[in-house]
């Protein structure tokens, strides 16, 4: 559940999930093609696409802003990290030589040079260059952080500057970038090998905007980031005031549900730029005329409409009000789509995502026996039978936090991690653990997602049989994402969705102190294994380490994976170029190929 092209997790709501790289298949290789479509071959016009959740931030890389809709808009506007390469629907890494290039200068130590092509600009005309890459490095490396955390992952001293949703473990292995090529290149040197190096560094939001908001020039910001000492948690110092100003803006300054009057907040580095927002209803993207850094879209504009309920999406498609939908998968939805006949094209497939129940390691669930008791009440098989089996008759409860069934390692991990103890509800076992207690549990979920609502109802009814008092903490599609990690609930149902490439999503979600570790799971043993995982390039060894981590998560009574999600895309037969994608970008992965038939 949290999406960007970077190796990090993304939250999705009504179809909700965060992007979890740990669920990844292997990369399978690298392509050098920068676009599958021919330039200038489109017919222009407007494509209308539906999203479930409402837009809430122009920065999808913060823990709060990293939800699916924000990440997809950032993908189209080039502020999420999709410049040097992207992932295609075969889960291959595709290089984008129209933007720039990256090259491995040395393997021992790992040294990678990134160069942006001359003439590549932001939508306001400012050049995209090394200043932007140094700024992105500062955010994604955590280089200046000196915060120390306790066993629960809580900060006890020092400072964490940027609220970055991804893990800083990988780029944290690098020192200050070396700038070259007339300020168009940076070279990163890693102290250890890094498994996900190819998908973990890119340009994010513009450095010149952040600098101006903090009252400095871009040159002054870059100088600050290349001269300020590295943070040392063993010896925390007084926070740097200038860096705090920059971080404060980056962390919160982009959050909005309406069109800003300040144009600098939606400066684009991608093919499209935001032109209009109707809060909680729609967004309009138009072509960025400054864009030269990648394939040129075939359409002139994209209108994004927010429609939470699947029947309403199907009706809008039937009425010709929208062109592309990816509704909540259900038997009813497929029946409704089939009834439209040749008017639409329908594609279905497994997603690299899964629904899960997470329990907070505080409050009522601070006691591991209470966590274990609640887990025993969850009717996982009934949830699968009720929600998923109509779509996939072979579906079973998902028995891993890190793998889906298609992954190497799934069967081994499921056999050994303890998931066999939670196939069906065990009310007697839960009562025994509670020993007469009747804990109150506030369960948060996206109430506009029918699958989540059904899961909540089944879990709540079962838990009450064991003595739990379950409080309905359901929130709307535009609210649930910002509530994650706030401590306003005891348990939550949502989803993670993977890029399909890399392993960095594991420490992002399960690492102590990570901003995407919403329930505050913390294990020194798991942290050590995750530290080893990100510097391991051998695929078999990566699987072996993840199997060990998966067991530690289950042993800690973290919560439960429920089921792997099924994806459904449907689009008008008047549209071409739409191709099914199982990862977090969904239909957006090749938006530049969308085309209106003549």
Protein backbone atom coordinates (compact mmCIF):
# COMPACT_ATOMS: atom_id res chain seq x y z
CA UNK A 1 0.00 0.00 0.00
CA UNK A 2 2.06 3.03 -0.69
CA UNK A 3 3.00 3.67 -4.64
CA UNK A 4 5.89 5.24 -6.41
CA UNK A 5 8.33 4.02 -8.98
CA UNK A 6 10.93 4.07 -6.30
CA UNK A 7 11.37 0.84 -4.35
CA UNK A 8 8.93 1.73 -1.63
CA UNK A 9 5.54 0.77 -0.34
CA UNK A 10 2.29 2.57 -1.26
CA UNK A 11 -1.10 2.71 0.47
CA UNK A 12 -4.25 2.01 -1.47
CA UNK A 13 -7.67 2.63 -0.06
CA UNK A 14 -10.85 1.50 -1.69
CA UNK A 15 -8.72 -0.72 -3.77
CA UNK A 16 -6.22 0.25 -1.11
CA UNK A 17 -2.67 -0.94 -0.71
CA UNK A 18 0.89 0.13 -0.12
CA UNK A 19 3.64 -0.84 -2.51
CA UNK A 20 5.78 -3.52 -0.98
CA UNK A 21 8.99 -4.40 -2.78
CA UNK A 22 9.32 -7.50 -0.63
CA UNK A 23 6.54 -9.15 -2.64
CA UNK A 24 8.62 -8.68 -5.74
CA UNK A 25 9.37 -11.09 -8.48
CA UNK A 26 12.92 -10.82 -9.79
CA UNK A 27 13.83 -8.03 -12.22
CA UNK A 28 14.44 -10.44 -15.07
CA UNK A 29 16.74 -8.03 -16.84
CA UNK A 30 16.97 -4.49 -18.17
CA UNK A 31 15.70 -3.03 -21.42
CA UNK A 32 17.22 0.02 -23.09
CA UNK A 33 14.06 1.07 -24.90
CA UNK A 34 12.72 4.45 -23.79
CA UNK A 35 9.20 4.00 -25.17
CA UNK A 36 7.11 1.32 -26.77
CA UNK A 37 5.12 3.85 -28.82
CA UNK A 38 6.11 6.00 -31.76
CA UNK A 39 6.48 9.76 -31.30
CA UNK A 40 3.76 12.05 -32.57
CA UNK A 41 1.46 9.20 -33.57
CA UNK A 42 -1.41 10.08 -31.24
CA UNK A 43 -4.75 11.64 -32.03
CA UNK A 44 -4.77 14.11 -29.13
CA UNK A 45 -7.97 14.65 -27.21
CA UNK A 46 -8.84 13.72 -23.65
CA UNK A 47 -8.89 10.45 -21.73
CA UNK A 48 -10.99 10.17 -18.57
CA UNK A 49 -9.77 7.71 -15.94
CA UNK A 50 -11.32 6.76 -12.59
CA UNK A 51 -9.48 6.49 -9.28
CA UNK A 52 -11.02 5.38 -6.00
CA UNK A 53 -9.28 7.72 -3.59
CA UNK A 54 -9.26 11.52 -3.65
CA UNK A 55 -6.01 13.41 -4.25
CA UNK A 56 -4.45 14.88 -1.11
CA UNK A 57 -0.81 15.85 -1.76
CA UNK A 58 1.62 16.90 -4.47
CA UNK A 59 4.32 15.02 -2.54
CA UNK A 60 3.71 11.28 -2.65
CA UNK A 61 7.03 10.48 -1.00
CA UNK A 62 6.10 11.43 2.56
CA UNK A 63 4.56 8.85 4.88
CA UNK A 64 1.29 10.82 4.86
CA UNK A 65 1.24 11.59 1.14
CA UNK A 66 2.29 8.15 -0.07
CA UNK A 67 -1.12 6.81 -1.09
CA UNK A 68 -2.04 5.39 -4.47
CA UNK A 69 -3.76 8.37 -6.11
CA UNK A 70 -1.03 10.83 -5.10
CA UNK A 71 1.63 8.46 -6.37
CA UNK A 72 -0.07 7.98 -9.75
CA UNK A 73 -0.37 11.74 -10.25
CA UNK A 74 3.28 12.09 -9.25
CA UNK A 75 4.17 9.38 -11.80
CA UNK A 76 2.51 11.40 -14.57
CA UNK A 77 3.99 14.70 -13.39
CA UNK A 78 7.50 13.46 -12.69
CA UNK A 79 7.77 14.13 -8.96
CA UNK A 80 7.80 10.53 -7.70
CA UNK A 81 11.02 9.27 -9.24
CA UNK A 82 10.24 7.94 -12.71
CA UNK A 83 12.83 9.69 -14.82
CA UNK A 84 15.90 7.50 -15.37
CA UNK A 85 13.82 4.34 -15.76
CA UNK A 86 10.44 2.78 -15.13
CA UNK A 87 9.03 -0.73 -14.68
CA UNK A 88 6.98 -2.24 -17.49
CA UNK A 89 4.13 -4.74 -17.18
CA UNK A 90 6.55 -7.64 -17.56
CA UNK A 91 8.29 -6.30 -14.42
CA UNK A 92 11.37 -5.36 -16.45
CA UNK A 93 13.35 -2.20 -15.79
CA UNK A 94 13.20 0.07 -18.86
CA UNK A 95 15.83 2.79 -19.17
CA UNK A 96 14.76 6.25 -20.32
CA UNK A 97 17.66 7.68 -22.30
CA UNK A 98 15.62 10.76 -23.28
CA UNK A 99 15.94 11.96 -19.70
CA UNK A 100 19.51 10.92 -19.04
CA UNK A 101 21.67 7.93 -18.28
CA UNK A 102 23.22 6.06 -15.40
CA UNK A 103 26.31 3.90 -15.52
CA UNK A 104 28.19 1.69 -13.10
CA UNK A 105 31.73 3.07 -12.89
CA UNK A 106 32.92 0.47 -10.40
CA UNK A 107 31.51 -2.65 -8.77
CA UNK A 108 33.93 -2.77 -5.83
CA UNK A 109 33.11 -0.37 -4.37
CA UNK A 110 29.79 0.12 -6.14
CA UNK A 111 30.00 3.51 -7.84
CA UNK A 112 27.15 4.78 -10.04
CA UNK A 113 27.07 7.96 -12.11
CA UNK A 114 23.76 9.66 -13.01
CA UNK A 115 23.66 12.30 -15.75
CA UNK A 116 20.64 14.36 -16.81
CA UNK A 117 20.53 15.37 -20.46
CA UNK A 118 21.16 19.00 -21.31
CA UNK A 119 17.92 20.88 -22.00
CA UNK A 120 15.71 18.82 -19.63
CA UNK A 121 13.67 21.32 -17.60
CA UNK A 122 10.98 21.62 -14.99
CA UNK A 123 7.64 23.00 -16.20
CA UNK A 124 8.55 26.48 -14.91
CA UNK A 125 11.59 26.53 -17.21
CA UNK A 126 14.19 25.90 -14.52
CA UNK A 127 16.78 23.26 -15.50
CA UNK A 128 16.61 19.84 -13.91
CA UNK A 129 20.14 19.09 -12.77
CA UNK A 130 22.52 17.98 -10.02
CA UNK A 131 20.89 20.32 -7.50
CA UNK A 132 17.71 18.24 -7.76
CA UNK A 133 19.64 14.97 -7.49
CA UNK A 134 21.58 16.12 -4.42
CA UNK A 135 18.29 17.19 -2.83
CA UNK A 136 16.72 13.80 -3.59
CA UNK A 137 19.80 12.05 -2.18
CA UNK A 138 19.54 14.04 1.07
CA UNK A 139 15.90 12.98 1.45
CA UNK A 140 16.29 9.32 0.51
CA UNK A 141 19.59 8.65 2.32
CA UNK A 142 18.73 10.04 5.75
CA UNK A 143 22.34 11.26 5.72
CA UNK A 144 21.78 14.07 8.21
CA UNK A 145 19.50 12.22 10.62
CA UNK A 146 20.95 11.65 14.08
CA UNK A 147 17.85 10.36 15.83
CA UNK A 148 18.17 7.45 18.21
CA UNK A 149 15.24 5.07 18.69
CA UNK A 150 14.27 2.69 21.47
CA UNK A 151 13.23 -0.96 21.10
CA UNK A 152 9.75 0.18 20.11
CA UNK A 153 11.15 2.27 17.25
CA UNK A 154 10.30 5.57 18.97
CA UNK A 155 12.70 8.53 18.70
CA UNK A 156 14.32 9.22 22.08
CA UNK A 157 16.94 11.80 21.03
CA UNK A 158 18.26 13.59 17.98
CA UNK A 159 16.47 14.57 14.76
CA UNK A 160 14.96 12.91 11.70
CA UNK A 161 14.58 15.65 9.11
CA UNK A 162 12.64 14.35 6.10
CA UNK A 163 9.50 12.27 6.61
CA UNK A 164 10.44 9.98 3.72
CA UNK A 165 8.04 7.07 3.18
CA UNK A 166 10.67 4.75 1.76
CA UNK A 167 13.62 3.15 3.50
CA UNK A 168 16.83 5.15 3.86
CA UNK A 169 18.91 2.02 4.42
CA UNK A 170 20.13 1.69 0.82
CA UNK A 171 21.15 5.24 -0.06
CA UNK A 172 22.30 5.54 3.53
CA UNK A 173 25.27 3.45 2.39
CA UNK A 174 26.47 6.39 0.26
CA UNK A 175 28.37 9.51 1.19
CA UNK A 176 27.94 13.02 -0.25
CA UNK A 177 27.46 12.84 -4.04
CA UNK A 178 30.23 14.00 -6.35
CA UNK A 179 28.90 16.69 -8.70
CA UNK A 180 30.15 16.99 -12.29
CA UNK A 181 29.38 17.72 -15.96
CA UNK A 182 28.48 21.39 -15.46
CA UNK A 183 26.10 20.52 -12.64
CA UNK A 184 24.25 17.86 -14.64
CA UNK A 185 25.65 14.71 -13.01
CA UNK A 186 26.21 13.15 -9.62
CA UNK A 187 28.23 10.07 -8.70
CA UNK A 188 27.23 7.91 -5.73
CA UNK A 189 29.70 5.59 -4.02
CA UNK A 190 28.32 2.83 -1.82
CA UNK A 191 30.20 1.49 1.20
CA UNK A 192 28.61 -1.92 0.57
CA UNK A 193 26.82 -3.57 -2.37
CA UNK A 194 23.17 -2.53 -2.57
CA UNK A 195 20.65 -4.94 -4.05
CA UNK A 196 18.15 -2.29 -5.24
CA UNK A 197 20.54 0.41 -6.45
CA UNK A 198 18.99 0.58 -9.93
CA UNK A 199 15.48 1.46 -8.74
CA UNK A 200 16.27 3.45 -5.62
CA UNK A 201 17.60 6.80 -6.82
CA UNK A 202 16.00 9.46 -8.99
CA UNK A 203 14.88 13.08 -8.99
CA UNK A 204 11.91 13.84 -6.72
CA UNK A 205 10.49 17.33 -6.13
CA UNK A 206 12.35 20.42 -7.43
CA UNK A 207 15.22 21.68 -5.28
CA UNK A 208 14.74 25.30 -6.38
CA UNK A 209 11.19 25.35 -4.99
CA UNK A 210 12.23 23.93 -1.61
CA UNK A 211 15.15 26.34 -1.41
CA UNK A 212 12.96 29.37 -2.08
CA UNK A 213 10.42 28.23 0.51
CA UNK A 214 13.23 28.02 3.07
CA UNK A 215 14.52 31.50 2.21
CA UNK A 216 17.68 30.52 0.36
CA UNK A 217 18.98 30.15 -3.17
CA UNK A 218 19.29 26.77 -4.89
CA UNK A 219 23.08 27.12 -4.77
CA UNK A 220 22.93 27.76 -1.02
CA UNK A 221 20.77 24.66 -0.52
CA UNK A 222 23.16 22.45 -2.48
CA UNK A 223 26.12 23.88 -0.56
CA UNK A 224 24.32 23.14 2.71
CA UNK A 225 23.61 19.55 1.66
CA UNK A 226 27.18 18.92 0.51
CA UNK A 227 28.94 20.48 3.50
CA UNK A 228 26.75 19.76 6.53
CA UNK A 229 28.29 16.94 8.63
CA UNK A 230 26.72 13.50 8.54
CA UNK A 231 24.35 12.81 11.40
CA UNK A 232 25.54 10.52 14.18
CA UNK A 233 22.86 9.02 16.45
CA UNK A 234 25.56 8.28 19.05
CA UNK A 235 26.32 12.01 19.24
CA UNK A 236 23.19 13.98 18.32
CA UNK A 237 23.61 17.73 17.85
CA UNK A 238 21.31 20.73 17.80
CA UNK A 239 19.14 20.57 14.65
CA UNK A 240 20.36 22.67 11.73
CA UNK A 241 17.82 25.49 11.40
CA UNK A 242 18.12 25.87 7.62
CA UNK A 243 17.73 22.16 6.96
CA UNK A 244 14.76 22.08 9.32
CA UNK A 245 13.05 24.80 7.25
CA UNK A 246 13.62 22.85 4.04
CA UNK A 247 12.39 19.61 5.60
CA UNK A 248 9.33 21.22 7.18
CA UNK A 249 8.22 22.51 3.79
CA UNK A 250 8.95 19.21 2.04
CA UNK A 251 7.15 17.21 4.74
CA UNK A 252 3.91 19.21 4.80
CA UNK A 253 3.98 22.08 2.28
CA UNK A 254 2.65 20.04 -0.63
CA UNK A 255 -0.40 18.67 1.19
CA UNK A 256 -3.65 19.99 -0.28
CA UNK A 257 -6.95 18.70 -1.67
CA UNK A 258 -7.57 21.80 -3.78
CA UNK A 259 -5.73 23.69 -6.53
CA UNK A 260 -3.03 25.86 -4.94
CA UNK A 261 -2.78 29.54 -5.78
CA UNK A 262 1.00 29.06 -5.47
CA UNK A 263 2.05 27.61 -8.84
CA UNK A 264 5.40 26.44 -7.49
CA UNK A 265 3.60 23.67 -5.54
CA UNK A 266 2.66 21.83 -8.72
CA UNK A 267 5.76 22.36 -10.86
CA UNK A 268 6.06 19.28 -13.07
CA UNK A 269 9.03 17.28 -14.26
CA UNK A 270 6.93 14.86 -16.29
CA UNK A 271 4.75 14.76 -19.42
CA UNK A 272 1.70 16.25 -17.68
CA UNK A 273 1.02 19.12 -15.30
CA UNK A 274 -2.00 19.59 -13.04
CA UNK A 275 -4.40 22.19 -14.47
CA UNK A 276 -7.51 21.92 -12.31
CA UNK A 277 -8.76 20.28 -9.11
CA UNK A 278 -12.32 19.95 -7.91
CA UNK A 279 -11.79 18.81 -4.29
CA UNK A 280 -12.89 15.22 -3.66
CA UNK A 281 -14.33 15.01 -7.19
CA UNK A 282 -11.78 15.29 -9.98
CA UNK A 283 -8.44 16.49 -11.30
CA UNK A 284 -7.42 17.56 -14.80
CA UNK A 285 -3.91 17.06 -16.20
CA UNK A 286 -2.71 18.83 -19.36
CA UNK A 287 0.46 18.42 -21.34
CA UNK A 288 3.63 19.96 -19.92
CA UNK A 289 4.96 21.88 -22.91
CA UNK A 290 8.46 22.06 -21.37
CA UNK A 291 8.75 18.26 -21.26
CA UNK A 292 11.47 16.59 -23.34
CA UNK A 293 12.64 13.96 -20.87
CA UNK A 294 10.76 10.89 -22.07
CA UNK A 295 8.06 9.53 -24.37
CA UNK A 296 5.51 12.14 -25.45
CA UNK A 297 1.86 11.28 -24.64
CA UNK A 298 -0.57 10.65 -27.47
CA UNK A 299 -3.42 12.51 -25.75
CA UNK A 300 -3.59 16.18 -24.79
CA UNK A 301 -5.18 15.82 -21.36
CA UNK A 302 -6.26 13.34 -18.70
CA UNK A 303 -9.24 13.90 -16.43
CA UNK A 304 -9.12 11.89 -13.20
CA UNK A 305 -12.48 11.32 -11.54
CA UNK A 306 -12.77 9.98 -7.99
CA UNK A 307 -15.50 7.34 -7.77
CA UNK A 308 -15.29 5.00 -4.79
CA UNK A 309 -18.01 2.46 -5.47
CA UNK A 310 -17.56 -0.15 -8.19
CA UNK A 311 -21.19 -0.05 -9.47
CA UNK A 312 -20.92 3.71 -9.94
CA UNK A 313 -17.65 3.26 -11.86
CA UNK A 314 -19.23 0.68 -14.15
CA UNK A 315 -22.26 2.91 -14.71
CA UNK A 316 -20.01 5.86 -15.59
CA UNK A 317 -18.16 3.68 -18.10
CA UNK A 318 -21.44 2.44 -19.56
CA UNK A 319 -22.75 6.01 -19.93
CA UNK A 320 -19.58 7.13 -21.72
CA UNK A 321 -18.70 9.53 -18.89
CA UNK A 322 -15.28 7.89 -18.36
CA UNK A 323 -12.92 5.80 -20.47
CA UNK A 324 -10.83 3.71 -18.05
CA UNK A 325 -11.72 2.16 -14.69
CA UNK A 326 -10.04 -0.28 -12.30
CA UNK A 327 -12.95 -1.08 -9.96
CA UNK A 328 -12.99 -3.16 -6.81
CA UNK A 329 -12.86 -6.74 -8.03
CA UNK A 330 -15.99 -8.75 -7.26
CA UNK A 331 -18.24 -11.25 -9.00
CA UNK A 332 -20.95 -8.59 -9.25
CA UNK A 333 -18.53 -6.14 -10.87
CA UNK A 334 -17.45 -8.67 -13.49
CA UNK A 335 -21.08 -9.55 -14.25
CA UNK A 336 -21.94 -5.88 -14.72
CA UNK A 337 -18.93 -5.37 -17.01
CA UNK A 338 -19.74 -8.46 -19.06
CA UNK A 339 -23.19 -7.05 -19.65
CA UNK A 340 -21.64 -4.10 -21.50
CA UNK A 341 -20.52 -6.44 -24.30
CA UNK A 342 -18.25 -5.05 -27.02
CA UNK A 343 -18.60 -1.57 -25.59
CA UNK A 344 -15.68 -2.27 -23.22
CA UNK A 345 -12.53 -4.35 -22.91
CA UNK A 346 -12.10 -6.18 -19.58
CA UNK A 347 -8.82 -7.59 -18.22
CA UNK A 348 -8.38 -9.54 -14.97
CA UNK A 349 -5.33 -10.83 -13.14
CA UNK A 350 -3.60 -11.33 -9.80
CA UNK A 351 -2.14 -8.19 -8.28
CA UNK A 352 1.15 -7.83 -6.43
CA UNK A 353 -0.88 -6.74 -3.44
CA UNK A 354 -2.60 -8.20 -0.42
CA UNK A 355 -5.11 -7.17 2.20
CA UNK A 356 -3.99 -7.51 5.80
CA UNK A 357 -4.93 -6.82 9.41
CA UNK A 358 -2.25 -4.98 11.44
CA UNK A 359 -2.27 -4.72 15.25
CA UNK A 360 -0.62 -1.80 17.06
CA UNK A 361 2.17 -2.65 19.51
CA UNK A 362 0.70 -0.23 22.05
CA UNK A 363 -2.52 0.36 23.96
CA UNK A 364 -4.77 -2.66 24.23
CA UNK A 365 -2.40 -4.69 22.02
CA UNK A 366 0.77 -3.93 23.95
CA UNK A 367 0.24 -7.34 25.57
CA UNK A 368 1.32 -10.03 23.04
CA UNK A 369 -1.25 -12.45 24.49
CA UNK A 370 -4.04 -10.03 23.54
CA UNK A 371 -2.59 -9.69 20.03
CA UNK A 372 -2.42 -13.47 19.70
CA UNK A 373 -5.98 -13.82 21.00
CA UNK A 374 -7.33 -11.33 18.48
CA UNK A 375 -5.48 -13.07 15.65
CA UNK A 376 -7.09 -16.36 16.68
CA UNK A 377 -10.55 -14.82 16.24
CA UNK A 378 -9.99 -13.77 12.61
CA UNK A 379 -11.98 -16.02 10.22
CA UNK A 380 -9.47 -15.91 7.38
CA UNK A 381 -10.97 -18.81 5.45
CA UNK A 382 -14.46 -17.31 5.72
CA UNK A 383 -13.10 -13.95 4.49
CA UNK A 384 -11.54 -15.62 1.45
CA UNK A 385 -14.68 -17.66 0.76
CA UNK A 386 -16.89 -14.58 1.02
CA UNK A 387 -14.79 -12.01 -0.84
CA UNK A 388 -12.29 -13.65 -3.17
CA UNK A 389 -13.44 -17.15 -4.16
CA UNK A 390 -16.09 -15.84 -6.53
CA UNK A 391 -13.26 -14.21 -8.46
CA UNK A 392 -10.66 -16.93 -8.00
CA UNK A 393 -12.06 -20.37 -7.08
CA UNK A 394 -8.54 -21.52 -6.18
CA UNK A 395 -7.96 -18.68 -3.69
CA UNK A 396 -6.71 -19.48 -0.21
CA UNK A 397 -5.80 -17.36 2.81
CA UNK A 398 -2.43 -15.69 2.21
CA UNK A 399 0.16 -17.25 4.51
CA UNK A 400 3.05 -14.79 4.30
CA UNK A 401 3.73 -11.15 5.10
CA UNK A 402 6.52 -10.96 2.52
CA UNK A 403 5.62 -13.26 -0.36
CA UNK A 404 2.68 -13.95 -2.64
CA UNK A 405 2.17 -17.50 -3.97
CA UNK A 406 3.97 -16.85 -7.27
CA UNK A 407 7.18 -15.89 -5.44
CA UNK A 408 10.05 -18.23 -4.79
CA UNK A 409 10.06 -18.84 -1.06
CA UNK A 410 6.31 -18.64 -0.48
CA UNK A 411 5.71 -22.34 0.12
CA UNK A 412 8.76 -22.73 2.35
CA UNK A 413 7.88 -19.66 4.39
CA UNK A 414 4.21 -20.62 4.77
CA UNK A 415 5.23 -24.07 5.96
CA UNK A 416 7.50 -22.75 8.71
CA UNK A 417 6.26 -19.31 9.81
CA UNK A 418 3.34 -20.40 12.00
CA UNK A 419 0.56 -19.29 9.64
CA UNK A 420 -0.97 -22.78 9.88
CA UNK A 421 -2.23 -21.82 13.36
CA UNK A 422 -4.52 -19.14 11.89
CA UNK A 423 -6.39 -20.77 9.03
CA UNK A 424 -9.78 -20.73 10.77
CA UNK A 425 -11.06 -18.84 13.80
CA UNK A 426 -10.20 -20.45 17.15
CA UNK A 427 -12.61 -18.82 19.58
CA UNK A 428 -11.87 -21.26 22.40
CA UNK A 429 -8.15 -20.60 22.08
CA UNK A 430 -8.72 -16.85 22.10
CA UNK A 431 -10.91 -17.04 25.22
CA UNK A 432 -8.24 -19.06 27.01
CA UNK A 433 -5.61 -16.40 26.27
CA UNK A 434 -7.93 -13.57 27.37
CA UNK A 435 -8.72 -15.37 30.63
CA UNK A 436 -11.95 -13.46 31.21
CA UNK A 437 -10.75 -10.08 29.89
CA UNK A 438 -12.98 -8.15 27.48
CA UNK A 439 -10.62 -5.73 25.66
CA UNK A 440 -12.00 -2.89 23.55
CA UNK A 441 -10.50 -2.70 20.06
CA UNK A 442 -11.02 0.21 17.66
CA UNK A 443 -10.65 -1.20 14.15
CA UNK A 444 -9.93 1.33 11.36
CA UNK A 445 -10.50 0.64 7.64
CA UNK A 446 -11.72 2.32 4.46
CA UNK A 447 -15.48 2.10 4.80
CA UNK A 448 -15.95 3.04 1.13
CA UNK A 449 -14.17 -0.16 0.08
CA UNK A 450 -16.74 -3.00 0.02
CA UNK A 451 -14.08 -5.69 0.51
CA UNK A 452 -12.71 -3.89 3.56
CA UNK A 453 -16.20 -3.37 4.94
CA UNK A 454 -16.96 -7.06 4.51
CA UNK A 455 -13.66 -8.02 6.16
CA UNK A 456 -14.42 -5.69 9.09
CA UNK A 457 -17.90 -7.16 9.60
CA UNK A 458 -16.63 -10.74 9.60
CA UNK A 459 -13.70 -9.96 11.93
CA UNK A 460 -15.79 -7.90 14.34
CA UNK A 461 -18.53 -10.53 14.62
CA UNK A 462 -16.02 -13.30 15.25
CA UNK A 463 -13.93 -11.32 17.77
CA UNK A 464 -17.01 -10.50 19.84
CA UNK A 465 -17.59 -14.24 20.37
CA UNK A 466 -14.28 -14.36 22.27
CA UNK A 467 -15.11 -11.34 24.43
CA UNK A 468 -13.57 -8.48 22.44
CA UNK A 469 -15.55 -5.25 22.20
CA UNK A 470 -14.92 -4.09 18.64
CA UNK A 471 -15.50 -0.42 17.82
CA UNK A 472 -16.17 0.51 14.20
CA UNK A 473 -13.38 2.93 13.22
CA UNK A 474 -14.21 3.03 9.51
CA UNK A 475 -13.20 6.21 7.66
CA UNK A 476 -13.97 7.54 4.19
CA UNK A 477 -11.73 7.06 1.16
CA UNK A 478 -10.22 10.53 1.50
CA UNK A 479 -9.48 10.14 5.22
CA UNK A 480 -8.14 6.68 5.99
CA UNK A 481 -4.67 7.15 4.46
CA UNK A 482 -3.76 10.17 6.59
CA UNK A 483 -4.96 8.30 9.70
CA UNK A 484 -2.36 5.52 9.29
CA UNK A 485 0.15 5.57 12.13
CA UNK A 486 -1.66 8.28 14.11
CA UNK A 487 -2.49 6.08 17.11
CA UNK A 488 -6.21 6.82 16.77
CA UNK A 489 -7.02 3.11 16.36
CA UNK A 490 -5.85 -0.24 17.73
CA UNK A 491 -5.96 -2.27 14.52
CA UNK A 492 -6.40 -1.53 10.86
CA UNK A 493 -7.31 -3.31 7.63
CA UNK A 494 -5.58 -2.07 4.50
CA UNK A 495 -3.27 -3.31 1.76
CA UNK A 496 0.29 -3.25 0.47
CA UNK A 497 1.09 -3.36 -3.23
CA UNK A 498 4.50 -4.10 -4.68
CA UNK A 499 6.51 -2.72 -7.56
CA UNK A 500 7.45 -6.31 -8.34
CA UNK A 501 11.14 -5.43 -8.24
CA UNK A 502 13.58 -5.24 -5.33
CA UNK A 503 13.68 -5.91 -1.59
CA UNK A 504 13.80 -2.41 -0.06
CA UNK A 505 10.12 -2.53 0.83
CA UNK A 506 10.92 -4.98 3.62
CA UNK A 507 12.78 -2.52 5.89
CA UNK A 508 10.44 0.26 4.75
CA UNK A 509 7.47 -1.49 6.36
CA UNK A 510 9.01 -3.69 9.04
CA UNK A 511 12.20 -1.85 10.02
CA UNK A 512 12.31 -0.28 13.49
CA UNK A 513 11.60 3.45 13.32
CA UNK A 514 10.60 3.48 9.63
CA UNK A 515 7.94 6.08 8.84
CA UNK A 516 5.90 3.43 7.01
CA UNK A 517 6.06 1.06 9.99
CA UNK A 518 2.65 2.17 11.20
CA UNK A 519 2.06 -0.30 14.01
CA UNK A 520 5.61 0.08 15.48
CA UNK A 521 6.77 -3.51 15.09
CA UNK A 522 10.38 -3.72 16.24
CA UNK A 523 12.79 -6.63 16.34
CA UNK A 524 16.57 -6.32 16.66
CA UNK A 525 16.96 -9.75 15.08
CA UNK A 526 14.73 -8.81 12.16
CA UNK A 527 16.52 -5.47 11.76
CA UNK A 528 19.85 -7.26 11.50
CA UNK A 529 18.47 -9.60 8.85
CA UNK A 530 17.01 -6.64 6.92
CA UNK A 531 20.38 -4.87 7.06
CA UNK A 532 21.88 -7.98 5.50
CA UNK A 533 19.04 -8.30 2.97
CA UNK A 534 19.54 -4.92 1.30
CA UNK A 535 23.25 -5.60 0.67
CA UNK A 536 22.61 -9.11 -0.66
CA UNK A 537 22.50 -9.39 -4.46
CA UNK A 538 22.12 -13.18 -4.70
CA UNK A 539 18.41 -13.93 -5.28
CA UNK A 540 18.46 -17.27 -3.47
CA UNK A 541 20.09 -15.67 -0.43
CA UNK A 542 17.52 -12.85 -0.51
CA UNK A 543 14.74 -15.45 -0.36
CA UNK A 544 16.45 -17.27 2.51
CA UNK A 545 16.71 -14.05 4.52
CA UNK A 546 13.10 -13.07 3.84
CA UNK A 547 11.89 -16.49 5.00
CA UNK A 548 13.63 -15.86 8.33
CA UNK A 549 12.22 -12.34 8.61
CA UNK A 550 8.71 -13.56 7.79
CA UNK A 551 8.82 -16.03 10.69
CA UNK A 552 9.97 -13.35 13.14
CA UNK A 553 7.03 -11.16 12.10
CA UNK A 554 4.55 -14.00 12.68
CA UNK A 555 6.23 -14.95 15.99
CA UNK A 556 5.69 -11.37 17.20
CA UNK A 557 1.89 -11.55 16.62
CA UNK A 558 2.10 -8.68 14.12
CA UNK A 559 -1.33 -9.29 12.63
CA UNK A 560 -2.50 -11.34 9.67
CA UNK A 561 -2.33 -11.27 5.88
CA UNK A 562 -5.81 -12.01 4.57
CA UNK A 563 -5.71 -12.61 0.81
CA UNK A 564 -3.92 -11.69 -2.39
CA UNK A 565 -5.95 -9.17 -4.35
CA UNK A 566 -7.43 -9.72 -7.79
CA UNK A 567 -7.24 -6.83 -10.23
CA UNK A 568 -9.84 -5.82 -12.83
CA UNK A 569 -9.29 -3.18 -15.51
CA UNK A 570 -11.99 -2.11 -17.92
CA UNK A 571 -11.82 0.48 -20.65
CA UNK A 572 -13.80 1.78 -23.57
CA UNK A 573 -13.27 0.02 -26.89
CA UNK A 574 -12.61 3.51 -28.28
CA UNK A 575 -9.31 3.61 -26.33
CA UNK A 576 -6.13 1.81 -27.32
CA UNK A 577 -2.78 1.35 -25.58
CA UNK A 578 -4.12 0.29 -22.17
CA UNK A 579 -2.27 -2.79 -20.88
CA UNK A 580 -2.79 -4.72 -17.63
CA UNK A 581 -0.18 -4.14 -14.92
CA UNK A 582 -0.15 -6.10 -11.62
CA UNK A 583 1.92 -3.61 -9.61
CA UNK A 584 1.12 -0.29 -7.94
CA UNK A 585 1.11 1.86 -11.07
CA UNK A 586 -1.77 -0.15 -12.50
CA UNK A 587 -3.10 1.13 -15.83
CA UNK A 588 -1.00 4.30 -15.43
CA UNK A 589 2.30 2.51 -16.08
CA UNK A 590 2.22 3.43 -19.82
CA UNK A 591 -0.15 6.41 -19.84
CA UNK A 592 1.85 7.94 -22.69
CA UNK A 593 0.57 5.14 -24.96
CA UNK A 594 -3.11 5.79 -24.27
CA UNK A 595 -4.74 6.88 -27.51
CA UNK A 596 -8.20 7.71 -28.78
CA UNK A 597 -9.14 5.75 -31.87
CA UNK A 598 -10.16 7.89 -34.82
